[in-house]
Amino acid sequence: MTQVSMSTAYIIALVVMIVAFLAAYIIAGAIPFRPDDTGTTKRRLWFWLLAAVTPVVAFLINALYAGNISVPNIKDTYIFHSGISCACSCILYIVLGFIISKSSPNSKVGTWFN
């Protein structure tokens, strides 16, 4: 029997969100500025692609972790909190991206929300 805390679901989702956000930031820095604005489109595409992938990956990791829980009631509660944590991580990813994008409008990440 695995000891589990519901906060584990939130921690896993937060870690996945941080990794995805750092990946988006690094990718945005790696895409060069271009006069025809294709760099802006690529940076924005990568930001939104990672925003969509973040909750899916977090839920899959939480579902794998929940597979080790043998008590059905605790397992159901953990899966419920996994869903909430995934939604929260996606919202936090977008809000954090918006804040960073608007705080540095002349940088590469500033093109995420133009």
N, C-alpha and C. Protein backbone atom coordinates (compact mmCIF):
# COMPACT_ATOMS: atom_id res chain seq x y z
N MET A 1 0.84 -1.18 0.00
CA MET A 1 0.00 0.00 0.00
C MET A 1 0.88 1.24 0.00
N THR A 2 0.59 2.17 -0.87
CA THR A 2 1.39 3.37 -1.01
C THR A 2 0.78 4.51 -0.21
N GLN A 3 1.61 5.15 0.60
CA GLN A 3 1.17 6.35 1.29
C GLN A 3 1.16 7.49 0.29
N VAL A 4 0.07 8.24 0.23
CA VAL A 4 -0.03 9.30 -0.76
C VAL A 4 -0.69 10.52 -0.13
N SER A 5 -0.21 11.66 -0.54
CA SER A 5 -0.80 12.93 -0.14
C SER A 5 -1.36 13.60 -1.38
N MET A 6 -2.49 14.27 -1.24
CA MET A 6 -3.11 14.93 -2.39
C MET A 6 -2.23 16.08 -2.90
N SER A 7 -1.39 16.61 -2.03
CA SER A 7 -0.50 17.69 -2.47
C SER A 7 0.54 17.19 -3.48
N THR A 8 0.75 15.89 -3.52
CA THR A 8 1.69 15.32 -4.50
C THR A 8 1.22 15.60 -5.91
N ALA A 9 -0.07 15.53 -6.15
CA ALA A 9 -0.62 15.82 -7.48
C ALA A 9 -0.31 17.25 -7.89
N TYR A 10 -0.44 18.18 -6.96
CA TYR A 10 -0.17 19.59 -7.25
C TYR A 10 1.32 19.83 -7.46
N ILE A 11 2.15 19.15 -6.70
CA ILE A 11 3.59 19.32 -6.84
C ILE A 11 4.05 18.78 -8.19
N ILE A 12 3.54 17.63 -8.60
CA ILE A 12 3.91 17.07 -9.89
C ILE A 12 3.48 18.01 -11.02
N ALA A 13 2.26 18.54 -10.94
CA ALA A 13 1.78 19.46 -11.98
C ALA A 13 2.61 20.74 -12.01
N LEU A 14 3.02 21.23 -10.84
CA LEU A 14 3.84 22.44 -10.77
C LEU A 14 5.21 22.21 -11.39
N VAL A 15 5.81 21.07 -11.11
CA VAL A 15 7.12 20.75 -11.68
C VAL A 15 7.04 20.63 -13.19
N VAL A 16 6.00 19.98 -13.70
CA VAL A 16 5.82 19.86 -15.15
C VAL A 16 5.62 21.24 -15.77
N MET A 17 4.85 22.10 -15.10
CA MET A 17 4.62 23.45 -15.61
C MET A 17 5.92 24.25 -15.66
N ILE A 18 6.73 24.16 -14.64
CA ILE A 18 8.00 24.89 -14.60
C ILE A 18 8.92 24.40 -15.71
N VAL A 19 9.00 23.09 -15.91
CA VAL A 19 9.85 22.55 -16.97
C VAL A 19 9.35 23.01 -18.34
N ALA A 20 8.05 22.97 -18.57
CA ALA A 20 7.49 23.40 -19.85
C ALA A 20 7.71 24.89 -20.07
N PHE A 21 7.57 25.69 -19.02
CA PHE A 21 7.77 27.13 -19.14
C PHE A 21 9.23 27.45 -19.45
N LEU A 22 10.14 26.78 -18.78
CA LEU A 22 11.56 26.99 -19.07
C LEU A 22 11.89 26.56 -20.50
N ALA A 23 11.27 25.47 -20.95
CA ALA A 23 11.47 25.04 -22.34
C ALA A 23 10.96 26.09 -23.31
N ALA A 24 9.80 26.67 -23.04
CA ALA A 24 9.25 27.72 -23.91
C ALA A 24 10.16 28.95 -23.92
N TYR A 25 10.70 29.29 -22.76
CA TYR A 25 11.60 30.44 -22.65
C TYR A 25 12.89 30.20 -23.44
N ILE A 26 13.44 29.01 -23.30
CA ILE A 26 14.68 28.67 -24.02
C ILE A 26 14.44 28.61 -25.52
N ILE A 27 13.33 28.01 -25.93
CA ILE A 27 13.00 27.93 -27.35
C ILE A 27 12.79 29.33 -27.93
N ALA A 28 12.12 30.20 -27.18
CA ALA A 28 11.91 31.57 -27.65
C ALA A 28 13.24 32.29 -27.85
N GLY A 29 14.18 32.04 -26.97
CA GLY A 29 15.49 32.65 -27.11
C GLY A 29 16.30 32.09 -28.25
N ALA A 30 16.02 30.85 -28.62
CA ALA A 30 16.78 30.20 -29.68
C ALA A 30 16.28 30.55 -31.08
N ILE A 31 15.05 31.01 -31.18
CA ILE A 31 14.49 31.37 -32.50
C ILE A 31 14.93 32.79 -32.83
N PRO A 32 15.62 32.98 -33.95
CA PRO A 32 16.14 34.31 -34.28
C PRO A 32 15.04 35.27 -34.76
N PHE A 33 15.32 36.57 -34.59
CA PHE A 33 14.43 37.59 -35.15
C PHE A 33 14.54 37.55 -36.67
N ARG A 34 13.43 37.68 -37.36
CA ARG A 34 13.42 37.71 -38.83
C ARG A 34 12.59 38.89 -39.29
N PRO A 35 12.98 39.49 -40.39
CA PRO A 35 12.24 40.66 -40.88
C PRO A 35 10.81 40.33 -41.32
N ASP A 36 10.57 39.10 -41.73
CA ASP A 36 9.23 38.74 -42.21
C ASP A 36 8.31 38.23 -41.09
N ASP A 37 8.72 38.35 -39.85
CA ASP A 37 7.94 37.99 -38.66
C ASP A 37 7.66 36.50 -38.50
N THR A 38 8.38 35.63 -39.19
CA THR A 38 8.16 34.20 -38.99
C THR A 38 8.69 33.75 -37.63
N GLY A 39 9.68 34.45 -37.09
CA GLY A 39 10.21 34.12 -35.77
C GLY A 39 9.16 34.36 -34.69
N THR A 40 8.40 35.45 -34.85
CA THR A 40 7.34 35.75 -33.88
C THR A 40 6.29 34.66 -33.89
N THR A 41 5.91 34.22 -35.06
CA THR A 41 4.90 33.16 -35.17
C THR A 41 5.40 31.86 -34.57
N LYS A 42 6.65 31.53 -34.79
CA LYS A 42 7.22 30.30 -34.23
C LYS A 42 7.28 30.36 -32.71
N ARG A 43 7.71 31.49 -32.17
CA ARG A 43 7.78 31.63 -30.72
C ARG A 43 6.40 31.51 -30.10
N ARG A 44 5.41 32.15 -30.68
CA ARG A 44 4.04 32.09 -30.18
C ARG A 44 3.48 30.67 -30.29
N LEU A 45 3.77 30.00 -31.41
CA LEU A 45 3.30 28.63 -31.61
C LEU A 45 3.88 27.70 -30.55
N TRP A 46 5.17 27.82 -30.30
CA TRP A 46 5.79 26.97 -29.28
C TRP A 46 5.22 27.24 -27.89
N PHE A 47 4.97 28.51 -27.58
CA PHE A 47 4.40 28.85 -26.27
C PHE A 47 3.05 28.17 -26.10
N TRP A 48 2.17 28.29 -27.08
CA TRP A 48 0.82 27.74 -26.97
C TRP A 48 0.82 26.22 -27.09
N LEU A 49 1.74 25.67 -27.86
CA LEU A 49 1.85 24.21 -27.94
C LEU A 49 2.24 23.63 -26.59
N LEU A 50 3.22 24.23 -25.94
CA LEU A 50 3.63 23.76 -24.62
C LEU A 50 2.56 24.03 -23.57
N ALA A 51 1.77 25.10 -23.75
CA ALA A 51 0.65 25.36 -22.83
C ALA A 51 -0.38 24.24 -22.92
N ALA A 52 -0.59 23.70 -24.11
CA ALA A 52 -1.56 22.61 -24.29
C ALA A 52 -1.01 21.28 -23.81
N VAL A 53 0.28 21.09 -23.95
CA VAL A 53 0.90 19.81 -23.58
C VAL A 53 1.11 19.70 -22.06
N THR A 54 1.30 20.81 -21.39
CA THR A 54 1.59 20.81 -19.96
C THR A 54 0.55 20.05 -19.13
N PRO A 55 -0.75 20.36 -19.23
CA PRO A 55 -1.70 19.62 -18.39
C PRO A 55 -1.83 18.14 -18.78
N VAL A 56 -1.64 17.84 -20.04
CA VAL A 56 -1.73 16.44 -20.48
C VAL A 56 -0.60 15.62 -19.87
N VAL A 57 0.61 16.14 -19.96
CA VAL A 57 1.77 15.42 -19.39
C VAL A 57 1.63 15.30 -17.88
N ALA A 58 1.20 16.38 -17.23
CA ALA A 58 1.04 16.34 -15.77
C ALA A 58 -0.01 15.30 -15.37
N PHE A 59 -1.11 15.23 -16.11
CA PHE A 59 -2.14 14.26 -15.77
C PHE A 59 -1.66 12.83 -16.01
N LEU A 60 -0.91 12.62 -17.09
CA LEU A 60 -0.40 11.27 -17.36
C LEU A 60 0.57 10.82 -16.26
N ILE A 61 1.44 11.71 -15.83
CA ILE A 61 2.36 11.36 -14.74
C ILE A 61 1.59 11.07 -13.46
N ASN A 62 0.59 11.90 -13.16
CA ASN A 62 -0.23 11.67 -11.97
C ASN A 62 -1.02 10.37 -12.09
N ALA A 63 -1.50 10.04 -13.29
CA ALA A 63 -2.24 8.79 -13.47
C ALA A 63 -1.33 7.58 -13.26
N LEU A 64 -0.09 7.67 -13.73
CA LEU A 64 0.85 6.59 -13.48
C LEU A 64 1.14 6.43 -11.99
N TYR A 65 1.26 7.56 -11.33
CA TYR A 65 1.50 7.54 -9.89
C TYR A 65 0.29 6.97 -9.16
N ALA A 66 -0.90 7.29 -9.63
CA ALA A 66 -2.13 6.81 -8.98
C ALA A 66 -2.30 5.31 -9.18
N GLY A 67 -1.67 4.74 -10.18
CA GLY A 67 -1.77 3.30 -10.40
C GLY A 67 -1.23 2.48 -9.24
N ASN A 68 -0.37 3.08 -8.43
CA ASN A 68 0.20 2.38 -7.27
C ASN A 68 -0.66 2.48 -6.02
N ILE A 69 -1.73 3.23 -6.07
CA ILE A 69 -2.60 3.41 -4.91
C ILE A 69 -3.62 2.27 -4.90
N SER A 70 -3.68 1.53 -3.81
CA SER A 70 -4.54 0.35 -3.77
C SER A 70 -5.92 0.61 -3.18
N VAL A 71 -6.09 1.68 -2.42
CA VAL A 71 -7.39 1.98 -1.82
C VAL A 71 -8.22 2.78 -2.82
N PRO A 72 -9.37 2.25 -3.26
CA PRO A 72 -10.14 2.91 -4.33
C PRO A 72 -10.59 4.34 -3.98
N ASN A 73 -10.99 4.57 -2.75
CA ASN A 73 -11.46 5.90 -2.36
C ASN A 73 -10.33 6.92 -2.45
N ILE A 74 -9.17 6.55 -1.98
CA ILE A 74 -8.01 7.45 -2.03
C ILE A 74 -7.56 7.65 -3.47
N LYS A 75 -7.63 6.59 -4.26
CA LYS A 75 -7.25 6.68 -5.67
C LYS A 75 -8.18 7.63 -6.42
N ASP A 76 -9.48 7.54 -6.18
CA ASP A 76 -10.44 8.44 -6.83
C ASP A 76 -10.20 9.89 -6.43
N THR A 77 -9.95 10.11 -5.16
CA THR A 77 -9.67 11.46 -4.68
C THR A 77 -8.39 12.00 -5.31
N TYR A 78 -7.38 11.15 -5.42
CA TYR A 78 -6.12 11.58 -6.02
C TYR A 78 -6.30 11.93 -7.50
N ILE A 79 -7.05 11.13 -8.23
CA ILE A 79 -7.31 11.42 -9.64
C ILE A 79 -8.10 12.72 -9.77
N PHE A 80 -9.05 12.95 -8.87
CA PHE A 80 -9.81 14.20 -8.87
C PHE A 80 -8.88 15.40 -8.68
N HIS A 81 -7.99 15.29 -7.71
CA HIS A 81 -7.03 16.38 -7.46
C HIS A 81 -6.01 16.50 -8.59
N SER A 82 -5.75 15.41 -9.28
CA SER A 82 -4.86 15.47 -10.45
C SER A 82 -5.47 16.34 -11.54
N GLY A 83 -6.76 16.19 -11.77
CA GLY A 83 -7.44 17.02 -12.77
C GLY A 83 -7.43 18.49 -12.41
N ILE A 84 -7.70 18.78 -11.15
CA ILE A 84 -7.68 20.18 -10.70
C ILE A 84 -6.27 20.75 -10.82
N SER A 85 -5.26 19.97 -10.42
CA SER A 85 -3.89 20.47 -10.47
C SER A 85 -3.44 20.71 -11.91
N CYS A 86 -3.91 19.90 -12.84
CA CYS A 86 -3.55 20.10 -14.25
C CYS A 86 -4.16 21.38 -14.79
N ALA A 87 -5.40 21.64 -14.44
CA ALA A 87 -6.04 22.89 -14.87
C ALA A 87 -5.33 24.09 -14.26
N CYS A 88 -4.98 23.99 -13.00
CA CYS A 88 -4.26 25.08 -12.33
C CYS A 88 -2.89 25.32 -12.96
N SER A 89 -2.20 24.24 -13.32
CA SER A 89 -0.88 24.40 -13.91
C SER A 89 -0.97 25.07 -15.28
N CYS A 90 -2.00 24.75 -16.04
CA CYS A 90 -2.18 25.37 -17.35
C CYS A 90 -2.49 26.86 -17.20
N ILE A 91 -3.37 27.19 -16.27
CA ILE A 91 -3.72 28.59 -16.03
C ILE A 91 -2.50 29.36 -15.53
N LEU A 92 -1.75 28.77 -14.62
CA LEU A 92 -0.55 29.43 -14.09
C LEU A 92 0.50 29.63 -15.18
N TYR A 93 0.65 28.66 -16.07
CA TYR A 93 1.57 28.76 -17.21
C TYR A 93 1.21 29.97 -18.08
N ILE A 94 -0.07 30.10 -18.41
CA ILE A 94 -0.52 31.20 -19.27
C ILE A 94 -0.38 32.54 -18.57
N VAL A 95 -0.77 32.61 -17.29
CA VAL A 95 -0.67 33.87 -16.55
C VAL A 95 0.79 34.29 -16.39
N LEU A 96 1.66 33.35 -16.06
CA LEU A 96 3.08 33.66 -15.93
C LEU A 96 3.66 34.11 -17.26
N GLY A 97 3.28 33.45 -18.34
CA GLY A 97 3.73 33.86 -19.67
C GLY A 97 3.25 35.25 -20.04
N PHE A 98 2.00 35.56 -19.68
CA PHE A 98 1.45 36.89 -19.96
C PHE A 98 2.22 37.97 -19.19
N ILE A 99 2.48 37.71 -17.92
CA ILE A 99 3.20 38.68 -17.10
C ILE A 99 4.61 38.91 -17.63
N ILE A 100 5.32 37.85 -17.94
CA ILE A 100 6.68 38.00 -18.44
C ILE A 100 6.68 38.64 -19.82
N SER A 101 5.71 38.28 -20.65
CA SER A 101 5.63 38.84 -21.99
C SER A 101 5.37 40.35 -21.95
N LYS A 102 4.47 40.76 -21.08
CA LYS A 102 4.13 42.19 -20.99
C LYS A 102 5.18 42.99 -20.23
N SER A 103 5.95 42.33 -19.36
CA SER A 103 6.98 43.06 -18.61
C SER A 103 8.23 43.32 -19.45
N SER A 104 8.41 42.56 -20.51
CA SER A 104 9.55 42.78 -21.40
C SER A 104 9.08 42.74 -22.86
N PRO A 105 8.38 43.77 -23.31
CA PRO A 105 7.77 43.75 -24.65
C PRO A 105 8.78 43.79 -25.80
N ASN A 106 9.99 44.24 -25.56
CA ASN A 106 10.98 44.34 -26.64
C ASN A 106 11.91 43.13 -26.71
N SER A 107 11.62 42.12 -25.93
CA SER A 107 12.45 40.91 -25.97
C SER A 107 11.77 39.84 -26.82
N LYS A 108 12.41 38.71 -26.96
CA LYS A 108 11.85 37.63 -27.74
C LYS A 108 10.60 37.04 -27.09
N VAL A 109 10.61 36.94 -25.77
CA VAL A 109 9.41 36.43 -25.10
C VAL A 109 8.28 37.46 -25.09
N GLY A 110 8.59 38.68 -25.39
CA GLY A 110 7.57 39.71 -25.48
C GLY A 110 6.63 39.53 -26.64
N THR A 111 6.97 38.63 -27.55
CA THR A 111 6.11 38.36 -28.72
C THR A 111 5.07 37.29 -28.46
N TRP A 112 5.07 36.69 -27.27
CA TRP A 112 4.10 35.64 -26.97
C TRP A 112 2.67 36.15 -27.01
N PHE A 113 2.44 37.39 -26.58
CA PHE A 113 1.08 37.93 -26.48
C PHE A 113 0.91 39.21 -27.28
N ASN A 114 1.52 39.32 -28.42
CA ASN A 114 1.34 40.51 -29.28
C ASN A 114 0.21 40.31 -30.23
